[in-house]
Amino acid sequence: MMKRVYLIAKSTFIFFIFLILILGSISIGKTNFEPNISNIGTDFITLISDDSQVIEINNTGSIVWQYSIGCVDSERLSNGNTLITQGFFVNEINGLGVIVWQYGAGLLGVSDVERLDNGNTLITDMLNNIVIEVNKSGCIIWQYKIGLSLPIDAERLDNGNTLIVNNLLNSVIEVSSNGTIVWQYTSGLLSPSDAERLSNGNTLITDYLNNRVIEVNSTGAIVWQKTGLNSPKDAERLDNGNTLIAEYNNNRIIEVNSVGSIVGSFSNALYHPNDVERIHNQPPTSPAITGPNSGFINIPYIYMFKGKDPGGHSVYYWIEWGDGNTSGWIGPFLSDLQIPRTHVWKNKGTYTIKAKIRDVCGVESDWGTLTVKMPRDKVLSSMLFLRFLDQYPFINLLIQRLSLL
């Protein structure tokens, strides 16, 4: 009887933790906006996942991409797609929100996902108490579940080992490919929610219920910490040495420096942020220009322009026709999509069409060019051709019969 009561109590506790970590309490997100979170130049953008949406903000704090379904973890991939957790599924979606890859075999509560360098996907299933690695076909090629109790985060390390946050056991463990625990940290943690191995070999741990983020070295000594937080769910060490933190119950993202001072924040209508990552913004490619390279003046010609943003964001075009006319910035247009534009040259000559594109952070591409010649006068050429037909009526008759005139 006591064993049955214990199992019921344990199940209830696990379900309660699941509600806190995944669903969150019901409240209204803040709508404050502090643009200094975006004093990051044009080289970076920020991806945020909360309980209601996944958004991407640029260097000015503007939302440049949004997926209106909440999740606990997301990752921007090198192909511009986004990998997201969706409860019983892991989905890879493109910039339009269309699912292009999915895995869900036997999953119960996905809490973390990571696309590996080998193209496989590392999935943490907190309710199945397992971390698995699946290939593109959905076959499980590695798994670890020994001693896990509500694992909530996992990260594949450069040495091939896997860093796992064991939430209910208040520990962070590093396991080798054969499942051996080679390092662990357990000192004073209370419901840890995230961990990442830093470039200096230390480990950054988000200690959820202790309301802190700590950095520990290989011997377990705390070498840095930020305390006084409100239910932090995720933390990431930035290239500039600052730390980006998602405060779940404060409905905000903050950036703190090495002494713990807040140097930036974002809370624009966030609803329980779960995950945040700073992404390198790659400049867009020069647009290709296609169309006729010669023709008549006073005749409209269609030209196609096609540029690509590596991050898959929408782009804006600036077109110069070589005769003093420009388009100004036009858009936005989908990345890697051809757009048509028509132009008429009024004077004979040689012209260089130039075009460039600008991404959502304001970064511009190099110029794409195409040289066109307008040596002929449409009216004069037509008059000469008609005189030729008058002199040779049988050719005129032949053209008419062929339905060419």
Protein backbone atom coordinates (compact mmCIF):
# COMPACT_ATOMS: atom_id res chain seq x y z
CA MET A 1 0.00 0.00 0.00
CA MET A 2 2.80 2.40 0.94
CA LYS A 3 4.58 1.59 -2.35
CA ARG A 4 1.43 2.47 -4.28
CA VAL A 5 1.06 5.77 -2.39
CA TYR A 6 4.72 6.52 -3.10
CA LEU A 7 4.27 5.89 -6.83
CA ILE A 8 1.17 8.11 -6.94
CA ALA A 9 2.98 10.87 -5.09
CA LYS A 10 6.02 10.60 -7.36
CA SER A 11 3.84 10.71 -10.49
CA THR A 12 1.99 13.75 -9.17
CA PHE A 13 5.27 15.50 -8.40
CA ILE A 14 6.69 14.78 -11.86
CA PHE A 15 3.48 16.07 -13.46
CA PHE A 16 3.66 19.22 -11.34
CA ILE A 17 7.27 19.85 -12.38
CA PHE A 18 6.25 19.26 -15.99
CA LEU A 19 3.57 21.95 -15.72
CA ILE A 20 6.02 24.42 -14.23
CA LEU A 21 8.82 23.81 -16.70
CA ILE A 22 6.83 23.28 -19.87
CA LEU A 23 3.45 24.96 -19.56
CA GLY A 24 4.13 27.61 -16.94
CA SER A 25 1.64 29.50 -14.81
CA ILE A 26 -1.09 31.56 -16.42
CA SER A 27 -0.21 35.24 -16.54
CA ILE A 28 -0.02 38.11 -18.97
CA GLY A 29 3.41 38.83 -20.46
CA LYS A 30 4.97 42.25 -20.09
CA THR A 31 4.93 44.64 -22.98
CA ASN A 32 7.90 46.77 -21.96
CA PHE A 33 10.56 47.34 -24.56
CA GLU A 34 14.11 48.32 -23.76
CA PRO A 35 15.98 48.66 -27.05
CA ASN A 36 19.41 48.48 -25.44
CA ILE A 37 19.23 44.67 -25.66
CA SER A 38 19.95 45.30 -29.30
CA ASN A 39 23.13 47.35 -28.99
CA ILE A 40 24.86 44.42 -30.65
CA GLY A 41 25.64 45.83 -34.08
CA THR A 42 24.42 44.27 -37.28
CA ASP A 43 26.43 41.06 -36.88
CA PHE A 44 23.92 39.34 -34.60
CA ILE A 45 20.23 38.61 -34.18
CA THR A 46 18.45 36.98 -31.22
CA LEU A 47 16.12 33.96 -31.27
CA ILE A 48 13.67 33.67 -28.35
CA SER A 49 11.26 30.84 -27.51
CA ASP A 50 8.47 31.35 -25.01
CA ASP A 51 5.23 29.58 -24.12
CA SER A 52 3.29 31.32 -26.89
CA GLN A 53 5.69 31.90 -29.78
CA VAL A 54 9.14 31.79 -31.28
CA ILE A 55 10.44 35.19 -32.35
CA GLU A 56 13.57 36.61 -33.86
CA ILE A 57 14.60 40.19 -33.14
CA ASN A 58 17.16 42.22 -35.03
CA ASN A 59 19.69 44.75 -33.79
CA THR A 60 17.02 47.44 -33.35
CA GLY A 61 14.70 45.21 -31.30
CA SER A 62 12.20 44.75 -34.13
CA ILE A 63 10.60 41.35 -34.60
CA VAL A 64 11.79 40.14 -38.00
CA TRP A 65 10.43 36.60 -37.86
CA GLN A 66 7.71 34.92 -35.81
CA TYR A 67 6.24 31.46 -35.39
CA SER A 68 3.02 31.70 -33.41
CA ILE A 69 3.26 28.43 -31.52
CA GLY A 70 5.12 28.29 -28.24
CA CYS A 71 7.93 25.87 -27.45
CA VAL A 72 10.56 25.26 -24.79
CA ASP A 73 13.56 25.11 -27.11
CA SER A 74 14.51 26.21 -30.60
CA GLU A 75 17.65 26.35 -32.69
CA ARG A 76 18.40 28.21 -35.90
CA LEU A 77 20.06 25.89 -38.40
CA SER A 78 22.76 26.73 -40.94
CA ASN A 79 20.25 26.30 -43.80
CA GLY A 80 18.05 29.07 -42.36
CA ASN A 81 15.42 26.66 -41.00
CA THR A 82 14.49 26.45 -37.32
CA LEU A 83 14.44 23.33 -35.16
CA ILE A 84 11.75 23.47 -32.47
CA THR A 85 10.29 21.25 -29.75
CA GLN A 86 6.54 20.65 -29.92
CA GLY A 87 5.65 18.38 -26.99
CA PHE A 88 5.39 15.00 -28.70
CA PHE A 89 7.36 16.07 -31.78
CA VAL A 90 10.53 17.70 -32.99
CA ASN A 91 9.89 19.83 -36.07
CA GLU A 92 12.19 21.53 -38.51
CA ILE A 93 10.37 24.44 -40.13
CA ASN A 94 11.36 26.79 -42.90
CA GLY A 95 10.98 30.57 -42.93
CA LEU A 96 7.29 30.27 -43.84
CA GLY A 97 6.58 27.95 -40.91
CA VAL A 98 6.19 24.86 -43.11
CA ILE A 99 7.39 21.61 -41.54
CA VAL A 100 10.17 20.14 -43.68
CA TRP A 101 11.31 17.42 -41.25
CA GLN A 102 9.70 15.83 -38.22
CA TYR A 103 10.42 13.17 -35.62
CA GLY A 104 7.95 11.95 -33.03
CA ALA A 105 8.29 8.19 -32.64
CA GLY A 106 7.41 7.40 -29.03
CA LEU A 107 8.19 10.86 -27.69
CA LEU A 108 6.22 12.07 -24.65
CA GLY A 109 7.70 15.39 -23.57
CA VAL A 110 10.50 16.91 -25.64
CA SER A 111 12.35 19.51 -23.60
CA ASP A 112 15.48 20.11 -25.69
CA VAL A 113 16.72 19.54 -29.23
CA GLU A 114 20.03 20.08 -31.00
CA ARG A 115 21.13 19.47 -34.60
CA LEU A 116 24.58 17.88 -34.56
CA ASP A 117 27.48 18.50 -36.92
CA ASN A 118 26.95 15.05 -38.47
CA GLY A 119 23.39 15.99 -39.47
CA ASN A 120 21.77 13.88 -36.75
CA THR A 121 19.47 15.32 -34.08
CA LEU A 122 19.95 15.06 -30.31
CA ILE A 123 16.59 14.94 -28.49
CA THR A 124 15.89 15.14 -24.76
CA ASP A 125 12.61 13.47 -23.76
CA MET A 126 11.99 14.48 -20.14
CA LEU A 127 8.94 12.26 -19.58
CA ASN A 128 10.53 9.16 -21.12
CA ASN A 129 13.68 9.91 -19.10
CA ILE A 130 15.94 9.46 -22.10
CA VAL A 131 18.28 11.31 -24.44
CA ILE A 132 18.43 9.97 -27.98
CA GLU A 133 20.32 10.73 -31.18
CA VAL A 134 18.39 10.08 -34.39
CA ASN A 135 19.49 10.33 -38.01
CA LYS A 136 17.57 11.97 -40.85
CA SER A 137 15.61 8.76 -41.43
CA GLY A 138 14.45 8.72 -37.80
CA CYS A 139 16.58 5.76 -36.71
CA ILE A 140 17.94 5.90 -33.16
CA ILE A 141 21.71 5.51 -33.35
CA TRP A 142 22.57 6.42 -29.72
CA GLN A 143 20.69 6.74 -26.46
CA TYR A 144 21.25 7.23 -22.77
CA LYS A 145 18.74 6.70 -19.97
CA ILE A 146 20.56 5.14 -17.02
CA GLY A 147 19.71 7.02 -13.84
CA LEU A 148 17.93 9.88 -15.60
CA SER A 149 14.99 11.51 -13.85
CA LEU A 150 13.31 14.30 -15.77
CA PRO A 151 16.27 15.18 -18.02
CA ILE A 152 15.58 18.63 -19.38
CA ASP A 153 18.61 19.58 -21.46
CA ALA A 154 21.41 17.87 -23.37
CA GLU A 155 24.37 19.12 -25.36
CA ARG A 156 26.85 17.16 -27.49
CA LEU A 157 30.37 18.30 -26.64
CA ASP A 158 33.36 18.69 -28.94
CA ASN A 159 34.97 15.62 -27.36
CA GLY A 160 32.00 13.45 -28.35
CA ASN A 161 30.58 13.25 -24.83
CA THR A 162 27.10 14.48 -23.92
CA LEU A 163 26.28 17.01 -21.18
CA ILE A 164 22.89 16.28 -19.58
CA VAL A 165 20.83 18.23 -17.04
CA ASN A 166 19.20 15.71 -14.70
CA ASN A 167 16.48 17.93 -13.28
CA LEU A 168 14.84 15.89 -10.50
CA LEU A 169 18.19 14.59 -9.27
CA ASN A 170 19.57 18.16 -9.19
CA SER A 171 22.67 17.29 -11.16
CA VAL A 172 24.53 17.94 -14.38
CA ILE A 173 26.39 14.96 -15.79
CA GLU A 174 28.80 14.40 -18.66
CA VAL A 175 28.56 10.93 -20.20
CA SER A 176 30.82 9.33 -22.78
CA SER A 177 29.60 7.64 -25.95
CA ASN A 178 29.55 4.28 -24.13
CA GLY A 179 27.42 5.72 -21.30
CA THR A 180 30.09 6.20 -18.65
CA ILE A 181 29.72 9.25 -16.40
CA VAL A 182 33.05 11.08 -16.67
CA TRP A 183 32.10 14.30 -14.84
CA GLN A 184 29.23 15.57 -12.75
CA TYR A 185 28.17 18.55 -10.66
CA THR A 186 25.58 18.25 -7.90
CA SER A 187 26.55 20.79 -5.24
CA GLY A 188 23.56 22.84 -4.11
CA LEU A 189 21.56 22.71 -7.33
CA LEU A 190 17.78 22.94 -7.16
CA SER A 191 15.92 22.02 -10.35
CA PRO A 192 18.63 22.96 -12.89
CA SER A 193 17.21 23.67 -16.33
CA ASP A 194 20.16 24.28 -18.67
CA ALA A 195 23.89 23.70 -19.00
CA GLU A 196 26.50 24.49 -21.60
CA ARG A 197 30.20 23.79 -21.79
CA LEU A 198 32.18 26.97 -22.35
CA SER A 199 35.24 27.42 -24.54
CA ASN A 200 37.42 27.74 -21.42
CA GLY A 201 36.36 24.27 -20.26
CA ASN A 202 34.04 25.54 -17.53
CA THR A 203 30.33 24.77 -17.40
CA LEU A 204 27.55 27.37 -17.31
CA ILE A 205 24.54 26.07 -15.34
CA THR A 206 21.09 27.64 -15.05
CA ASP A 207 19.85 26.83 -11.54
CA TYR A 208 16.10 27.39 -11.93
CA LEU A 209 14.68 27.25 -8.41
CA ASN A 210 17.81 28.76 -6.84
CA ASN A 211 17.23 31.77 -9.10
CA ARG A 212 20.79 31.95 -10.29
CA VAL A 213 23.19 31.17 -13.11
CA ILE A 214 26.60 29.81 -12.13
CA GLU A 215 29.84 29.02 -13.91
CA VAL A 216 31.81 26.14 -12.42
CA ASN A 217 35.24 24.81 -13.36
CA SER A 218 36.23 21.17 -13.80
CA THR A 219 36.78 20.74 -10.06
CA GLY A 220 33.31 22.06 -9.23
CA ALA A 221 34.36 25.46 -7.89
CA ILE A 222 32.03 28.36 -8.69
CA VAL A 223 34.08 30.95 -10.58
CA TRP A 224 31.20 33.26 -11.59
CA GLN A 225 27.54 33.65 -10.77
CA LYS A 226 24.53 35.87 -11.26
CA THR A 227 22.06 35.65 -8.39
CA GLY A 228 18.74 37.32 -7.60
CA LEU A 229 17.08 36.20 -10.82
CA ASN A 230 13.42 35.23 -11.19
CA SER A 231 13.16 31.60 -12.36
CA PRO A 232 15.90 31.59 -15.02
CA LYS A 233 15.31 28.91 -17.64
CA ASP A 234 18.26 29.35 -20.00
CA ALA A 235 21.64 31.07 -20.20
CA GLU A 236 24.20 31.52 -22.95
CA ARG A 237 27.71 32.96 -22.79
CA LEU A 238 28.24 35.46 -25.59
CA ASP A 239 31.33 36.16 -27.65
CA ASN A 240 31.82 39.49 -25.84
CA GLY A 241 31.99 37.72 -22.46
CA ASN A 242 28.50 38.78 -21.36
CA THR A 243 25.78 36.28 -20.50
CA LEU A 244 22.31 36.17 -22.04
CA ILE A 245 19.61 34.90 -19.64
CA ALA A 246 15.93 34.01 -20.10
CA GLU A 247 13.98 34.91 -16.93
CA TYR A 248 10.82 32.82 -17.07
CA ASN A 249 8.69 34.53 -14.43
CA ASN A 250 10.02 38.01 -15.21
CA ASN A 251 8.96 37.61 -18.84
CA ARG A 252 12.20 39.07 -20.08
CA ILE A 253 15.60 38.43 -21.61
CA ILE A 254 18.55 40.14 -19.98
CA GLU A 255 22.19 40.50 -20.89
CA VAL A 256 24.60 40.83 -17.97
CA ASN A 257 28.30 41.64 -17.99
CA SER A 258 31.12 39.93 -16.12
CA VAL A 259 30.27 41.70 -12.85
CA GLY A 260 26.57 40.83 -13.13
CA SER A 261 25.27 44.25 -14.14
CA ILE A 262 22.37 44.26 -16.59
CA VAL A 263 23.53 45.93 -19.80
CA GLY A 264 20.48 45.12 -21.92
CA SER A 265 17.00 43.66 -21.73
CA PHE A 266 14.05 42.73 -23.91
CA SER A 267 10.51 42.08 -22.68
CA ASN A 268 8.28 43.07 -25.57
CA ALA A 269 5.12 40.99 -25.00
CA LEU A 270 7.10 37.92 -23.95
CA TYR A 271 5.11 35.18 -22.24
CA HIS A 272 7.38 33.00 -20.10
CA PRO A 273 10.60 32.82 -22.15
CA ASN A 274 12.19 29.37 -22.11
CA ASP A 275 15.16 29.67 -24.41
CA VAL A 276 17.33 32.34 -25.99
CA GLU A 277 20.28 32.28 -28.36
CA ARG A 278 22.33 34.92 -30.12
CA ILE A 279 22.89 34.09 -33.78
CA HIS A 280 25.57 35.35 -36.14
CA ASN A 281 23.99 37.36 -38.95
CA GLN A 282 25.65 36.55 -42.26
CA PRO A 283 25.52 39.23 -44.97
CA PRO A 284 23.25 38.61 -47.97
CA THR A 285 24.66 37.56 -51.34
CA SER A 286 24.89 39.84 -54.35
CA PRO A 287 21.72 39.56 -56.45
CA ALA A 288 21.86 37.94 -59.87
CA ILE A 289 20.31 39.99 -62.70
CA THR A 290 18.92 38.30 -65.79
CA GLY A 291 17.21 39.72 -68.87
CA PRO A 292 17.96 40.98 -72.40
CA ASN A 293 21.37 42.61 -72.80
CA SER A 294 20.36 44.66 -75.84
CA GLY A 295 17.23 46.09 -77.36
CA PHE A 296 15.32 49.12 -78.59
CA ILE A 297 14.85 52.40 -76.83
CA ASN A 298 11.33 53.39 -75.72
CA ILE A 299 10.41 49.72 -75.30
CA PRO A 300 9.78 48.21 -71.83
CA TYR A 301 11.98 45.25 -70.89
CA ILE A 302 11.56 42.85 -67.99
CA TYR A 303 14.54 41.96 -65.78
CA MET A 304 14.66 39.40 -62.99
CA PHE A 305 16.51 39.96 -59.72
CA LYS A 306 17.35 37.20 -57.28
CA GLY A 307 19.29 37.57 -54.02
CA LYS A 308 19.66 35.31 -51.01
CA ASP A 309 19.96 35.86 -47.27
CA PRO A 310 21.83 32.94 -45.61
CA GLY A 311 19.56 33.24 -42.57
CA GLY A 312 16.44 32.93 -44.70
CA HIS A 313 15.15 36.37 -43.77
CA SER A 314 13.20 38.68 -46.05
CA VAL A 315 15.28 41.12 -48.09
CA TYR A 316 14.94 44.56 -49.66
CA TYR A 317 16.25 45.53 -53.12
CA TRP A 318 17.86 48.71 -54.42
CA ILE A 319 18.04 48.89 -58.22
CA GLU A 320 19.88 51.43 -60.38
CA TRP A 321 19.16 51.36 -64.12
CA GLY A 322 22.23 53.28 -65.27
CA ASP A 323 20.26 56.21 -66.71
CA GLY A 324 19.79 58.10 -63.45
CA ASN A 325 16.65 56.22 -62.40
CA THR A 326 16.63 54.16 -59.19
CA SER A 327 14.00 52.10 -57.42
CA GLY A 328 14.85 53.15 -53.88
CA TRP A 329 14.53 50.40 -51.27
CA ILE A 330 11.67 48.08 -52.25
CA GLY A 331 10.39 45.06 -50.36
CA PRO A 332 10.32 43.04 -48.30
CA PHE A 333 10.66 39.99 -50.55
CA LEU A 334 11.29 36.37 -49.67
CA SER A 335 14.91 35.34 -49.80
CA ASP A 336 16.09 33.45 -52.90
CA LEU A 337 12.95 34.39 -54.83
CA GLN A 338 13.10 36.02 -58.26
CA ILE A 339 11.37 39.38 -58.52
CA PRO A 340 10.55 41.01 -61.90
CA ARG A 341 11.05 44.68 -62.66
CA THR A 342 10.38 46.58 -65.92
CA HIS A 343 12.37 49.49 -67.32
CA VAL A 344 12.39 51.69 -70.43
CA TRP A 345 15.51 53.43 -71.72
CA LYS A 346 14.77 56.60 -73.69
CA ASN A 347 18.20 57.25 -75.19
CA LYS A 348 20.55 55.04 -77.13
CA GLY A 349 23.65 53.97 -75.26
CA THR A 350 25.29 51.36 -73.03
CA TYR A 351 23.93 51.06 -69.52
CA THR A 352 24.94 49.12 -66.40
CA ILE A 353 22.10 47.81 -64.26
CA LYS A 354 23.18 47.59 -60.62
CA ALA A 355 21.32 45.95 -57.73
CA LYS A 356 22.02 45.18 -54.10
CA ILE A 357 19.98 43.73 -51.26
CA ARG A 358 19.65 44.61 -47.58
CA ASP A 359 18.81 42.21 -44.78
CA VAL A 360 16.67 42.72 -41.67
CA CYS A 361 19.64 44.06 -39.72
CA GLY A 362 20.47 46.64 -42.38
CA VAL A 363 23.49 44.78 -43.75
CA GLU A 364 23.87 45.32 -47.50
CA SER A 365 25.27 42.98 -50.10
CA ASP A 366 27.79 43.82 -52.77
CA TRP A 367 26.44 45.06 -56.09
CA GLY A 368 25.22 42.70 -58.76
CA THR A 369 25.55 44.09 -62.31
CA LEU A 370 24.39 43.53 -65.87
CA THR A 371 25.45 45.59 -68.92
CA VAL A 372 22.83 46.30 -71.59
CA LYS A 373 23.09 48.10 -74.93
CA MET A 374 20.32 50.13 -76.51
CA PRO A 375 21.85 50.89 -79.94
CA ARG A 376 18.69 50.69 -82.00
CA ASP A 377 15.75 52.98 -82.55
CA LYS A 378 12.49 51.04 -82.63
CA VAL A 379 10.69 53.53 -84.92
CA LEU A 380 13.52 53.80 -87.44
CA SER A 381 14.05 50.04 -87.56
CA SER A 382 10.35 49.41 -88.15
CA MET A 383 10.21 51.93 -91.04
CA LEU A 384 13.21 50.32 -92.76
CA PHE A 385 11.63 46.86 -92.40
CA LEU A 386 8.34 48.04 -93.94
CA ARG A 387 10.18 49.58 -96.89
CA PHE A 388 11.95 46.25 -97.38
CA LEU A 389 8.60 44.41 -97.49
CA ASP A 390 7.27 46.90 -100.06
CA GLN A 391 10.20 46.11 -102.34
CA TYR A 392 9.77 42.36 -101.92
CA PRO A 393 5.98 41.68 -101.70
CA PHE A 394 6.39 37.91 -102.00
CA ILE A 395 8.22 37.88 -98.65
CA ASN A 396 5.37 39.88 -97.12
CA LEU A 397 2.91 37.33 -98.47
CA LEU A 398 4.99 34.45 -97.12
CA ILE A 399 5.14 35.98 -93.64
CA GLN A 400 1.38 36.49 -93.59
CA ARG A 401 0.77 32.87 -94.56
CA LEU A 402 3.04 31.72 -91.79
CA SER A 403 0.99 33.87 -89.35
CA LEU A 404 4.07 35.77 -88.37
CA LEU A 405 2.70 39.19 -89.20
